Amino acid sequence: MEPQRPAPDDPIARFLALFDLAKRTPQIMEPTGMVLSTVGDDGRPSSRVVLLKGVDEEGFVFYTNLESRKGREALARPSVALLFWWHPLEVQVRVEGAAQRVGDEDADAYFASRPRGSQLGAWASDQSRPLKSREELEARLAELTERFEGMPVPRPPHWSGLRVRPLSIEFWKNRTNRLHERHLYAREKPGAPWSFALLNP
């Protein structure tokens, strides 16, 4: 359970404390899991679970194939939303902000840290595009495994990270009688001071 204390001025520090608690809670199998919501050219929203790979004052980072649906939508319409739901803690965190590509140095470093199978998979998968058969994908993986045998797997040019620079962060805590606790932090632009407000449940 999140400690009972006044809301700090810095929502990133508050998130990091809560995230640390989530990682130390055995019932939470994947504390880094977060729902990413984007909007397509047709105005339709789309959501999926991605994994948080970094968070600091600059924002929340995840990695993906930039030619996937989420990658294309986030780059074309950078306003995105993230949602963390840690059920055993009865807490959710909502983040809204603008996505931007991370630097090549950061992307290279993270890609190099991935298991080799995941590196090869990043090359093999035309993510989000139609696939004729599973056999086609496995044949592509076999060809790439042979191509890169005995050498480091380079980062594909279409694979990188996206950083969501938050403009609002809301902490929601379950309370009795559905009188939930909601703390909203908001700012006009990245780097600007945060405002704080209590919201009705």
N, C-alpha and C. Protein backbone atom coordinates (compact mmCIF):
# COMPACT_ATOMS: atom_id res chain seq x y z
N MET A 1 0.84 -1.19 0.00
CA MET A 1 0.00 0.00 0.00
C MET A 1 0.87 1.24 0.00
N GLU A 2 0.49 2.22 -0.84
CA GLU A 2 1.27 3.45 -0.93
C GLU A 2 1.27 4.16 0.42
N PRO A 3 2.43 4.62 0.90
CA PRO A 3 2.50 5.29 2.19
C PRO A 3 1.57 6.50 2.25
N GLN A 4 0.97 6.71 3.41
CA GLN A 4 0.11 7.87 3.62
C GLN A 4 0.98 9.07 3.95
N ARG A 5 1.04 10.02 3.04
CA ARG A 5 1.87 11.20 3.23
C ARG A 5 1.36 12.28 2.30
N PRO A 6 1.66 13.53 2.58
CA PRO A 6 1.25 14.59 1.67
C PRO A 6 1.86 14.37 0.29
N ALA A 7 1.13 14.79 -0.74
CA ALA A 7 1.63 14.64 -2.10
C ALA A 7 2.86 15.51 -2.30
N PRO A 8 3.97 14.95 -2.78
CA PRO A 8 5.17 15.75 -3.00
C PRO A 8 5.00 16.66 -4.21
N ASP A 9 5.85 17.66 -4.31
CA ASP A 9 5.78 18.59 -5.43
C ASP A 9 6.20 17.94 -6.75
N ASP A 10 7.00 16.90 -6.67
CA ASP A 10 7.57 16.28 -7.87
C ASP A 10 6.87 14.96 -8.16
N PRO A 11 6.01 14.90 -9.21
CA PRO A 11 5.30 13.64 -9.49
C PRO A 11 6.23 12.54 -10.01
N ILE A 12 7.36 12.90 -10.62
CA ILE A 12 8.29 11.87 -11.07
C ILE A 12 8.89 11.15 -9.87
N ALA A 13 9.29 11.91 -8.84
CA ALA A 13 9.81 11.30 -7.62
C ALA A 13 8.76 10.42 -6.97
N ARG A 14 7.52 10.89 -6.98
CA ARG A 14 6.44 10.08 -6.41
C ARG A 14 6.25 8.80 -7.21
N PHE A 15 6.27 8.91 -8.54
CA PHE A 15 6.14 7.72 -9.37
C PHE A 15 7.26 6.73 -9.10
N LEU A 16 8.50 7.21 -9.02
CA LEU A 16 9.63 6.33 -8.81
C LEU A 16 9.52 5.57 -7.48
N ALA A 17 9.04 6.24 -6.43
CA ALA A 17 8.85 5.57 -5.14
C ALA A 17 7.78 4.49 -5.26
N LEU A 18 6.70 4.79 -5.96
CA LEU A 18 5.63 3.82 -6.15
C LEU A 18 6.06 2.67 -7.05
N PHE A 19 6.81 3.00 -8.10
CA PHE A 19 7.33 2.00 -9.01
C PHE A 19 8.26 1.03 -8.28
N ASP A 20 9.09 1.57 -7.40
CA ASP A 20 9.98 0.71 -6.60
C ASP A 20 9.17 -0.23 -5.73
N LEU A 21 8.08 0.28 -5.15
CA LEU A 21 7.22 -0.57 -4.34
C LEU A 21 6.58 -1.66 -5.19
N ALA A 22 6.14 -1.30 -6.39
CA ALA A 22 5.53 -2.28 -7.29
C ALA A 22 6.53 -3.39 -7.64
N LYS A 23 7.78 -3.01 -7.89
CA LYS A 23 8.80 -4.01 -8.24
C LYS A 23 9.11 -4.93 -7.07
N ARG A 24 8.88 -4.47 -5.85
CA ARG A 24 9.15 -5.29 -4.67
C ARG A 24 7.91 -6.06 -4.20
N THR A 25 6.82 -5.96 -4.94
CA THR A 25 5.57 -6.65 -4.58
C THR A 25 5.47 -7.94 -5.39
N PRO A 26 5.63 -9.11 -4.75
CA PRO A 26 5.69 -10.38 -5.49
C PRO A 26 4.46 -10.66 -6.34
N GLN A 27 3.29 -10.18 -5.93
CA GLN A 27 2.07 -10.47 -6.67
C GLN A 27 2.01 -9.74 -8.01
N ILE A 28 2.84 -8.73 -8.19
CA ILE A 28 2.84 -7.99 -9.45
C ILE A 28 3.87 -8.65 -10.38
N MET A 29 3.38 -9.39 -11.36
CA MET A 29 4.27 -10.18 -12.21
C MET A 29 5.09 -9.31 -13.16
N GLU A 30 4.52 -8.21 -13.66
CA GLU A 30 5.23 -7.36 -14.61
C GLU A 30 5.00 -5.89 -14.26
N PRO A 31 5.73 -5.38 -13.27
CA PRO A 31 5.50 -3.99 -12.84
C PRO A 31 5.80 -2.96 -13.91
N THR A 32 6.62 -3.33 -14.92
CA THR A 32 6.95 -2.39 -15.99
C THR A 32 5.87 -2.30 -17.05
N GLY A 33 4.88 -3.19 -17.00
CA GLY A 33 3.83 -3.20 -18.01
C GLY A 33 2.98 -1.94 -17.95
N MET A 34 2.76 -1.31 -19.09
CA MET A 34 1.94 -0.11 -19.14
C MET A 34 1.15 -0.11 -20.44
N VAL A 35 -0.08 0.38 -20.38
CA VAL A 35 -0.91 0.48 -21.56
C VAL A 35 -0.57 1.78 -22.28
N LEU A 36 -0.20 1.66 -23.55
CA LEU A 36 0.09 2.81 -24.40
C LEU A 36 -1.09 3.03 -25.34
N SER A 37 -1.63 4.25 -25.35
CA SER A 37 -2.73 4.59 -26.25
C SER A 37 -2.27 5.64 -27.25
N THR A 38 -2.56 5.37 -28.52
CA THR A 38 -2.22 6.28 -29.61
C THR A 38 -3.47 6.52 -30.44
N VAL A 39 -3.37 7.44 -31.39
CA VAL A 39 -4.49 7.75 -32.28
C VAL A 39 -4.02 7.69 -33.72
N GLY A 40 -4.81 7.02 -34.57
CA GLY A 40 -4.44 6.86 -35.97
C GLY A 40 -4.92 7.99 -36.86
N ASP A 41 -4.60 7.87 -38.14
CA ASP A 41 -5.00 8.88 -39.12
C ASP A 41 -6.51 9.06 -39.18
N ASP A 42 -7.25 7.98 -38.89
CA ASP A 42 -8.71 8.03 -38.95
C ASP A 42 -9.34 8.53 -37.66
N GLY A 43 -8.50 8.91 -36.68
CA GLY A 43 -9.02 9.41 -35.41
C GLY A 43 -9.39 8.33 -34.42
N ARG A 44 -9.19 7.07 -34.78
CA ARG A 44 -9.54 5.97 -33.89
C ARG A 44 -8.40 5.70 -32.92
N PRO A 45 -8.72 5.57 -31.62
CA PRO A 45 -7.67 5.25 -30.64
C PRO A 45 -7.30 3.77 -30.70
N SER A 46 -6.08 3.48 -30.25
CA SER A 46 -5.58 2.11 -30.21
C SER A 46 -4.73 1.96 -28.96
N SER A 47 -4.91 0.86 -28.23
CA SER A 47 -4.16 0.62 -27.00
C SER A 47 -3.52 -0.74 -27.02
N ARG A 48 -2.36 -0.82 -26.36
CA ARG A 48 -1.66 -2.08 -26.21
C ARG A 48 -0.69 -1.97 -25.04
N VAL A 49 -0.23 -3.11 -24.51
CA VAL A 49 0.71 -3.10 -23.40
C VAL A 49 2.13 -3.08 -23.94
N VAL A 50 2.94 -2.17 -23.41
CA VAL A 50 4.37 -2.13 -23.70
C VAL A 50 5.10 -2.12 -22.36
N LEU A 51 6.43 -2.22 -22.40
CA LEU A 51 7.20 -2.30 -21.16
C LEU A 51 8.02 -1.03 -20.95
N LEU A 52 7.93 -0.48 -19.76
CA LEU A 52 8.72 0.69 -19.40
C LEU A 52 10.18 0.29 -19.26
N LYS A 53 11.06 0.99 -19.96
CA LYS A 53 12.48 0.68 -19.92
C LYS A 53 13.32 1.78 -19.30
N GLY A 54 12.72 2.89 -18.95
CA GLY A 54 13.45 3.96 -18.30
C GLY A 54 12.51 5.08 -17.91
N VAL A 55 12.79 5.74 -16.81
CA VAL A 55 12.00 6.89 -16.39
C VAL A 55 12.89 7.84 -15.61
N ASP A 56 12.80 9.11 -15.93
CA ASP A 56 13.52 10.14 -15.22
C ASP A 56 12.77 11.46 -15.43
N GLU A 57 13.42 12.57 -15.10
CA GLU A 57 12.76 13.86 -15.22
C GLU A 57 12.36 14.17 -16.67
N GLU A 58 13.02 13.52 -17.63
CA GLU A 58 12.70 13.78 -19.04
C GLU A 58 11.48 13.01 -19.52
N GLY A 59 11.13 11.91 -18.84
CA GLY A 59 9.94 11.19 -19.25
C GLY A 59 10.06 9.68 -19.13
N PHE A 60 9.11 8.99 -19.77
CA PHE A 60 8.93 7.55 -19.68
C PHE A 60 9.33 6.93 -21.04
N VAL A 61 10.25 5.97 -21.02
CA VAL A 61 10.83 5.43 -22.25
C VAL A 61 10.41 3.98 -22.48
N PHE A 62 10.04 3.68 -23.73
CA PHE A 62 9.85 2.30 -24.17
C PHE A 62 10.47 2.17 -25.56
N TYR A 63 10.68 0.93 -25.99
CA TYR A 63 11.34 0.67 -27.27
C TYR A 63 10.41 -0.13 -28.17
N THR A 64 10.54 0.11 -29.48
CA THR A 64 9.62 -0.55 -30.41
C THR A 64 10.13 -0.46 -31.83
N ASN A 65 9.48 -1.20 -32.70
CA ASN A 65 9.65 -1.05 -34.14
C ASN A 65 8.90 0.22 -34.54
N LEU A 66 9.61 1.20 -35.05
CA LEU A 66 8.98 2.48 -35.39
C LEU A 66 8.03 2.37 -36.57
N GLU A 67 8.11 1.25 -37.31
CA GLU A 67 7.20 1.04 -38.42
C GLU A 67 5.96 0.24 -38.01
N SER A 68 5.88 -0.13 -36.74
CA SER A 68 4.68 -0.79 -36.22
C SER A 68 3.55 0.23 -36.14
N ARG A 69 2.35 -0.24 -35.87
CA ARG A 69 1.22 0.70 -35.76
C ARG A 69 1.46 1.73 -34.67
N LYS A 70 1.91 1.27 -33.51
CA LYS A 70 2.11 2.21 -32.41
C LYS A 70 3.23 3.20 -32.73
N GLY A 71 4.29 2.70 -33.38
CA GLY A 71 5.39 3.58 -33.73
C GLY A 71 4.97 4.64 -34.73
N ARG A 72 4.27 4.22 -35.78
CA ARG A 72 3.83 5.16 -36.80
C ARG A 72 2.85 6.18 -36.23
N GLU A 73 1.92 5.71 -35.41
CA GLU A 73 0.93 6.63 -34.85
C GLU A 73 1.55 7.61 -33.87
N ALA A 74 2.46 7.13 -33.03
CA ALA A 74 3.08 8.01 -32.03
C ALA A 74 3.95 9.08 -32.68
N LEU A 75 4.62 8.73 -33.79
CA LEU A 75 5.45 9.71 -34.48
C LEU A 75 4.62 10.70 -35.27
N ALA A 76 3.49 10.23 -35.84
CA ALA A 76 2.64 11.12 -36.63
C ALA A 76 1.78 12.02 -35.74
N ARG A 77 1.32 11.49 -34.62
CA ARG A 77 0.49 12.23 -33.67
C ARG A 77 1.08 11.99 -32.28
N PRO A 78 2.01 12.83 -31.88
CA PRO A 78 2.79 12.55 -30.66
C PRO A 78 2.02 12.57 -29.35
N SER A 79 0.80 13.11 -29.31
CA SER A 79 0.04 13.11 -28.06
C SER A 79 -0.43 11.69 -27.75
N VAL A 80 0.12 11.12 -26.69
CA VAL A 80 -0.19 9.74 -26.32
C VAL A 80 -0.51 9.68 -24.83
N ALA A 81 -0.99 8.52 -24.41
CA ALA A 81 -1.30 8.29 -23.00
C ALA A 81 -0.72 6.96 -22.55
N LEU A 82 -0.31 6.91 -21.29
CA LEU A 82 0.18 5.70 -20.65
C LEU A 82 -0.68 5.40 -19.43
N LEU A 83 -0.83 4.12 -19.12
CA LEU A 83 -1.59 3.73 -17.93
C LEU A 83 -0.88 2.58 -17.24
N PHE A 84 -0.57 2.77 -15.96
CA PHE A 84 -0.05 1.70 -15.10
C PHE A 84 -1.17 1.28 -14.16
N TRP A 85 -1.38 -0.03 -14.04
CA TRP A 85 -2.40 -0.55 -13.12
C TRP A 85 -1.76 -1.65 -12.28
N TRP A 86 -1.51 -1.34 -11.02
CA TRP A 86 -0.89 -2.29 -10.10
C TRP A 86 -1.96 -2.75 -9.11
N HIS A 87 -2.65 -3.81 -9.49
CA HIS A 87 -3.83 -4.26 -8.75
C HIS A 87 -3.57 -4.55 -7.28
N PRO A 88 -2.50 -5.30 -6.92
CA PRO A 88 -2.28 -5.57 -5.50
C PRO A 88 -2.11 -4.31 -4.65
N LEU A 89 -1.64 -3.23 -5.26
CA LEU A 89 -1.48 -1.96 -4.54
C LEU A 89 -2.75 -1.12 -4.60
N GLU A 90 -3.72 -1.56 -5.42
CA GLU A 90 -4.95 -0.80 -5.67
C GLU A 90 -4.63 0.63 -6.10
N VAL A 91 -3.69 0.72 -7.02
CA VAL A 91 -3.21 2.01 -7.50
C VAL A 91 -3.12 1.99 -9.02
N GLN A 92 -3.50 3.09 -9.66
CA GLN A 92 -3.19 3.28 -11.07
C GLN A 92 -2.55 4.65 -11.25
N VAL A 93 -1.71 4.74 -12.28
CA VAL A 93 -1.07 6.00 -12.63
C VAL A 93 -1.34 6.27 -14.10
N ARG A 94 -1.88 7.45 -14.40
CA ARG A 94 -2.17 7.86 -15.77
C ARG A 94 -1.21 8.96 -16.18
N VAL A 95 -0.64 8.81 -17.36
CA VAL A 95 0.33 9.78 -17.88
C VAL A 95 -0.14 10.22 -19.27
N GLU A 96 -0.15 11.51 -19.49
CA GLU A 96 -0.44 12.04 -20.82
C GLU A 96 0.69 12.99 -21.22
N GLY A 97 1.12 12.89 -22.48
CA GLY A 97 2.22 13.74 -22.91
C GLY A 97 2.55 13.55 -24.36
N ALA A 98 3.70 14.04 -24.75
CA ALA A 98 4.13 13.99 -26.14
C ALA A 98 5.28 13.00 -26.31
N ALA A 99 5.16 12.13 -27.32
CA ALA A 99 6.21 11.14 -27.59
C ALA A 99 7.24 11.72 -28.55
N GLN A 100 8.49 11.43 -28.27
CA GLN A 100 9.56 11.81 -29.18
C GLN A 100 10.62 10.71 -29.20
N ARG A 101 11.29 10.59 -30.30
CA ARG A 101 12.29 9.52 -30.48
C ARG A 101 13.49 9.79 -29.58
N VAL A 102 14.03 8.73 -28.97
CA VAL A 102 15.26 8.87 -28.17
C VAL A 102 16.45 8.98 -29.11
N GLY A 103 17.58 9.40 -28.58
CA GLY A 103 18.79 9.50 -29.38
C GLY A 103 19.32 8.15 -29.80
N ASP A 104 20.07 8.13 -30.90
CA ASP A 104 20.62 6.87 -31.41
C ASP A 104 21.55 6.20 -30.39
N GLU A 105 22.28 6.99 -29.63
CA GLU A 105 23.20 6.42 -28.64
C GLU A 105 22.43 5.63 -27.59
N ASP A 106 21.31 6.19 -27.11
CA ASP A 106 20.49 5.48 -26.12
C ASP A 106 19.88 4.22 -26.72
N ALA A 107 19.40 4.34 -27.96
CA ALA A 107 18.78 3.18 -28.62
C ALA A 107 19.81 2.07 -28.85
N ASP A 108 21.01 2.45 -29.28
CA ASP A 108 22.07 1.46 -29.50
C ASP A 108 22.42 0.74 -28.20
N ALA A 109 22.54 1.51 -27.11
CA ALA A 109 22.93 0.92 -25.83
C ALA A 109 21.87 -0.05 -25.34
N TYR A 110 20.60 0.33 -25.45
CA TYR A 110 19.56 -0.59 -24.98
C TYR A 110 19.48 -1.83 -25.88
N PHE A 111 19.56 -1.63 -27.20
CA PHE A 111 19.48 -2.78 -28.10
C PHE A 111 20.60 -3.77 -27.81
N ALA A 112 21.80 -3.26 -27.53
CA ALA A 112 22.93 -4.14 -27.24
C ALA A 112 22.73 -4.95 -25.96
N SER A 113 21.88 -4.45 -25.06
CA SER A 113 21.64 -5.14 -23.79
C SER A 113 20.58 -6.24 -23.91
N ARG A 114 19.88 -6.31 -25.03
CA ARG A 114 18.79 -7.27 -25.19
C ARG A 114 19.34 -8.68 -25.45
N PRO A 115 18.58 -9.72 -25.10
CA PRO A 115 18.99 -11.08 -25.47
C PRO A 115 19.13 -11.20 -26.99
N ARG A 116 20.04 -12.03 -27.43
CA ARG A 116 20.31 -12.15 -28.86
C ARG A 116 19.04 -12.55 -29.63
N GLY A 117 18.25 -13.43 -29.04
CA GLY A 117 17.02 -13.83 -29.72
C GLY A 117 16.08 -12.66 -29.96
N SER A 118 16.00 -11.75 -28.99
CA SER A 118 15.16 -10.56 -29.15
C SER A 118 15.74 -9.63 -30.21
N GLN A 119 17.06 -9.55 -30.27
CA GLN A 119 17.69 -8.72 -31.30
C GLN A 119 17.36 -9.26 -32.70
N LEU A 120 17.47 -10.56 -32.87
CA LEU A 120 17.16 -11.16 -34.16
C LEU A 120 15.67 -11.00 -34.49
N GLY A 121 14.84 -11.12 -33.47
CA GLY A 121 13.41 -10.95 -33.68
C GLY A 121 13.05 -9.56 -34.15
N ALA A 122 13.80 -8.56 -33.70
CA ALA A 122 13.54 -7.18 -34.14
C ALA A 122 13.78 -7.03 -35.63
N TRP A 123 14.72 -7.81 -36.18
CA TRP A 123 14.96 -7.80 -37.62
C TRP A 123 13.92 -8.63 -38.36
N ALA A 124 13.52 -9.74 -37.77
CA ALA A 124 12.67 -10.70 -38.48
C ALA A 124 11.23 -10.24 -38.63
N SER A 125 10.74 -9.47 -37.66
CA SER A 125 9.32 -9.13 -37.65
C SER A 125 9.03 -7.80 -38.34
N ASP A 126 8.15 -7.84 -39.35
CA ASP A 126 7.57 -6.62 -39.92
C ASP A 126 6.35 -6.28 -39.08
N GLN A 127 6.59 -5.80 -37.90
CA GLN A 127 5.57 -5.68 -36.86
C GLN A 127 4.32 -4.96 -37.35
N SER A 128 3.19 -5.52 -37.01
CA SER A 128 1.84 -5.01 -37.30
C SER A 128 1.39 -5.25 -38.74
N ARG A 129 2.26 -5.76 -39.60
CA ARG A 129 1.88 -5.99 -40.99
C ARG A 129 1.40 -7.44 -41.18
N PRO A 130 0.57 -7.69 -42.19
CA PRO A 130 0.04 -9.05 -42.41
C PRO A 130 1.17 -10.07 -42.59
N LEU A 131 0.93 -11.29 -42.09
CA LEU A 131 1.88 -12.39 -42.18
C LEU A 131 1.17 -13.58 -42.84
N LYS A 132 1.78 -14.11 -43.90
CA LYS A 132 1.14 -15.21 -44.62
C LYS A 132 1.06 -16.47 -43.77
N SER A 133 2.15 -16.76 -43.05
CA SER A 133 2.18 -17.97 -42.24
C SER A 133 3.26 -17.85 -41.18
N ARG A 134 3.14 -18.67 -40.14
CA ARG A 134 4.17 -18.72 -39.11
C ARG A 134 5.48 -19.22 -39.71
N GLU A 135 5.38 -20.13 -40.66
CA GLU A 135 6.56 -20.69 -41.29
C GLU A 135 7.38 -19.60 -41.99
N GLU A 136 6.70 -18.63 -42.59
CA GLU A 136 7.39 -17.53 -43.25
C GLU A 136 8.25 -16.74 -42.24
N LEU A 137 7.67 -16.48 -41.07
CA LEU A 137 8.39 -15.75 -40.04
C LEU A 137 9.59 -16.56 -39.53
N GLU A 138 9.38 -17.85 -39.31
CA GLU A 138 10.46 -18.69 -38.81
C GLU A 138 11.58 -18.83 -39.84
N ALA A 139 11.23 -18.87 -41.13
CA ALA A 139 12.25 -18.95 -42.17
C ALA A 139 13.07 -17.66 -42.21
N ARG A 140 12.41 -16.54 -42.04
CA ARG A 140 13.11 -15.26 -42.01
C ARG A 140 14.06 -15.20 -40.83
N LEU A 141 13.62 -15.69 -39.67
CA LEU A 141 14.47 -15.72 -38.48
C LEU A 141 15.69 -16.62 -38.71
N ALA A 142 15.48 -17.77 -39.35
CA ALA A 142 16.59 -18.69 -39.61
C ALA A 142 17.62 -18.04 -40.53
N GLU A 143 17.14 -17.32 -41.55
CA GLU A 143 18.05 -16.66 -42.49
C GLU A 143 18.87 -15.58 -41.77
N LEU A 144 18.23 -14.83 -40.89
CA LEU A 144 18.92 -13.78 -40.14
C LEU A 144 19.90 -14.36 -39.13
N THR A 145 19.54 -15.47 -38.52
CA THR A 145 20.43 -16.14 -37.57
C THR A 145 21.72 -16.54 -38.27
N GLU A 146 21.58 -17.04 -39.50
CA GLU A 146 22.76 -17.43 -40.27
C GLU A 146 23.56 -16.20 -40.71
N ARG A 147 22.85 -15.14 -41.12
CA ARG A 147 23.53 -13.94 -41.61
C ARG A 147 24.40 -13.29 -40.54
N PHE A 148 23.90 -13.26 -39.30
CA PHE A 148 24.63 -12.58 -38.23
C PHE A 148 25.44 -13.54 -37.35
N GLU A 149 25.58 -14.78 -37.78
CA GLU A 149 26.33 -15.76 -36.97
C GLU A 149 27.76 -15.27 -36.74
N GLY A 150 28.19 -15.36 -35.48
CA GLY A 150 29.57 -15.01 -35.13
C GLY A 150 29.85 -13.53 -35.06
N MET A 151 28.81 -12.70 -35.08
CA MET A 151 29.01 -11.25 -35.02
C MET A 151 27.89 -10.62 -34.21
N PRO A 152 28.14 -9.43 -33.65
CA PRO A 152 27.06 -8.74 -32.94
C PRO A 152 25.92 -8.41 -33.88
N VAL A 153 24.71 -8.44 -33.35
CA VAL A 153 23.54 -8.08 -34.16
C VAL A 153 23.35 -6.57 -34.08
N PRO A 154 23.45 -5.87 -35.21
CA PRO A 154 23.28 -4.42 -35.17
C PRO A 154 21.82 -4.03 -34.96
N ARG A 155 21.62 -2.83 -34.47
CA ARG A 155 20.25 -2.34 -34.29
C ARG A 155 19.63 -2.03 -35.65
N PRO A 156 18.43 -2.54 -35.92
CA PRO A 156 17.77 -2.21 -37.19
C PRO A 156 17.48 -0.70 -37.25
N PRO A 157 17.55 -0.11 -38.42
CA PRO A 157 17.32 1.33 -38.53
C PRO A 157 15.90 1.74 -38.16
N HIS A 158 14.96 0.79 -38.25
CA HIS A 158 13.55 1.10 -37.94
C HIS A 158 13.21 0.81 -36.48
N TRP A 159 14.18 0.46 -35.66
CA TRP A 159 13.93 0.08 -34.27
C TRP A 159 14.59 1.10 -33.35
N SER A 160 13.81 1.67 -32.45
CA SER A 160 14.37 2.67 -31.55
C SER A 160 13.45 2.82 -30.34
N GLY A 161 13.69 3.86 -29.57
CA GLY A 161 12.90 4.12 -28.38
C GLY A 161 12.08 5.39 -28.54
N LEU A 162 11.00 5.45 -27.78
CA LEU A 162 10.18 6.64 -27.70
C LEU A 162 10.11 7.08 -26.24
N ARG A 163 10.27 8.36 -26.04
CA ARG A 163 10.17 8.94 -24.71
C ARG A 163 8.90 9.77 -24.64
N VAL A 164 8.04 9.46 -23.67
CA VAL A 164 6.83 10.24 -23.45
C VAL A 164 7.14 11.31 -22.42
N ARG A 165 7.14 12.55 -22.85
CA ARG A 165 7.43 13.68 -21.97
C ARG A 165 6.12 14.15 -21.36
N PRO A 166 5.91 13.92 -20.09
CA PRO A 166 4.57 14.11 -19.51
C PRO A 166 4.16 15.56 -19.34
N LEU A 167 2.88 15.79 -19.65
CA LEU A 167 2.23 17.07 -19.36
C LEU A 167 1.24 16.93 -18.22
N SER A 168 0.81 15.69 -17.95
CA SER A 168 -0.03 15.44 -16.78
C SER A 168 0.25 14.04 -16.26
N ILE A 169 0.22 13.90 -14.94
CA ILE A 169 0.37 12.60 -14.27
C ILE A 169 -0.67 12.54 -13.17
N GLU A 170 -1.51 11.53 -13.22
CA GLU A 170 -2.55 11.39 -12.20
C GLU A 170 -2.34 10.09 -11.42
N PHE A 171 -2.37 10.21 -10.10
CA PHE A 171 -2.27 9.06 -9.20
C PHE A 171 -3.67 8.78 -8.64
N TRP A 172 -4.11 7.55 -8.85
CA TRP A 172 -5.44 7.12 -8.39
C TRP A 172 -5.26 6.03 -7.34
N LYS A 173 -5.95 6.16 -6.23
CA LYS A 173 -5.86 5.18 -5.15
C LYS A 173 -7.25 4.74 -4.75
N ASN A 174 -7.47 3.43 -4.70
CA ASN A 174 -8.77 2.89 -4.31
C ASN A 174 -9.09 3.24 -2.86
N ARG A 175 -10.31 3.68 -2.64
CA ARG A 175 -10.80 3.97 -1.29
C ARG A 175 -12.18 3.36 -1.12
N THR A 176 -12.63 3.22 0.13
CA THR A 176 -13.93 2.62 0.42
C THR A 176 -15.06 3.49 -0.12
N ASN A 177 -16.20 2.84 -0.39
CA ASN A 177 -17.41 3.51 -0.87
C ASN A 177 -17.19 4.24 -2.19
N ARG A 178 -16.20 3.79 -2.93
CA ARG A 178 -15.86 4.38 -4.23
C ARG A 178 -15.47 5.85 -4.13
N LEU A 179 -15.07 6.27 -2.95
CA LEU A 179 -14.59 7.64 -2.77
C LEU A 179 -13.07 7.63 -2.96
N HIS A 180 -12.66 7.31 -4.18
CA HIS A 180 -11.25 7.11 -4.49
C HIS A 180 -10.47 8.42 -4.34
N GLU A 181 -9.17 8.26 -4.18
CA GLU A 181 -8.27 9.41 -4.05
C GLU A 181 -7.60 9.66 -5.40
N ARG A 182 -7.72 10.91 -5.88
CA ARG A 182 -7.13 11.26 -7.18
C ARG A 182 -6.29 12.52 -7.03
N HIS A 183 -5.02 12.42 -7.37
CA HIS A 183 -4.09 13.55 -7.31
C HIS A 183 -3.60 13.82 -8.73
N LEU A 184 -3.85 15.00 -9.22
CA LEU A 184 -3.47 15.36 -10.58
C LEU A 184 -2.36 16.40 -10.58
N TYR A 185 -1.27 16.08 -11.27
CA TYR A 185 -0.18 17.02 -11.52
C TYR A 185 -0.24 17.41 -12.99
N ALA A 186 -0.10 18.68 -13.29
CA ALA A 186 -0.17 19.12 -14.67
C ALA A 186 0.79 20.29 -14.89
N ARG A 187 1.21 20.45 -16.14
CA ARG A 187 2.07 21.58 -16.51
C ARG A 187 1.81 21.94 -17.96
N GLU A 188 2.16 23.15 -18.35
CA GLU A 188 1.85 23.63 -19.69
C GLU A 188 2.78 23.05 -20.75
N LYS A 189 4.03 22.79 -20.38
CA LYS A 189 5.00 22.25 -21.32
C LYS A 189 6.09 21.53 -20.54
N PRO A 190 6.84 20.62 -21.18
CA PRO A 190 7.93 19.93 -20.49
C PRO A 190 8.92 20.94 -19.91
N GLY A 191 9.33 20.70 -18.67
CA GLY A 191 10.26 21.60 -18.01
C GLY A 191 9.60 22.68 -17.20
N ALA A 192 8.31 22.93 -17.43
CA ALA A 192 7.59 23.95 -16.68
C ALA A 192 7.25 23.42 -15.28
N PRO A 193 6.95 24.31 -14.33
CA PRO A 193 6.57 23.85 -12.98
C PRO A 193 5.27 23.05 -13.02
N TRP A 194 5.15 22.14 -12.07
CA TRP A 194 3.95 21.33 -11.94
C TRP A 194 2.92 22.05 -11.06
N SER A 195 1.66 21.96 -11.46
CA SER A 195 0.57 22.34 -10.57
C SER A 195 -0.01 21.07 -9.96
N PHE A 196 -0.75 21.23 -8.87
CA PHE A 196 -1.32 20.06 -8.19
C PHE A 196 -2.79 20.33 -7.88
N ALA A 197 -3.63 19.30 -8.07
CA ALA A 197 -5.05 19.42 -7.74
C ALA A 197 -5.59 18.10 -7.26
N LEU A 198 -6.51 18.16 -6.30
CA LEU A 198 -7.30 17.00 -5.92
C LEU A 198 -8.49 16.93 -6.85
N LEU A 199 -8.85 15.73 -7.29
CA LEU A 199 -10.02 15.53 -8.15
C LEU A 199 -11.08 14.75 -7.43
N ASN A 200 -12.32 15.01 -7.75
CA ASN A 200 -13.41 14.17 -7.25
C ASN A 200 -13.25 12.77 -7.83
N PRO A 201 -13.65 11.74 -7.08
CA PRO A 201 -13.44 10.37 -7.56
C PRO A 201 -14.28 10.02 -8.79
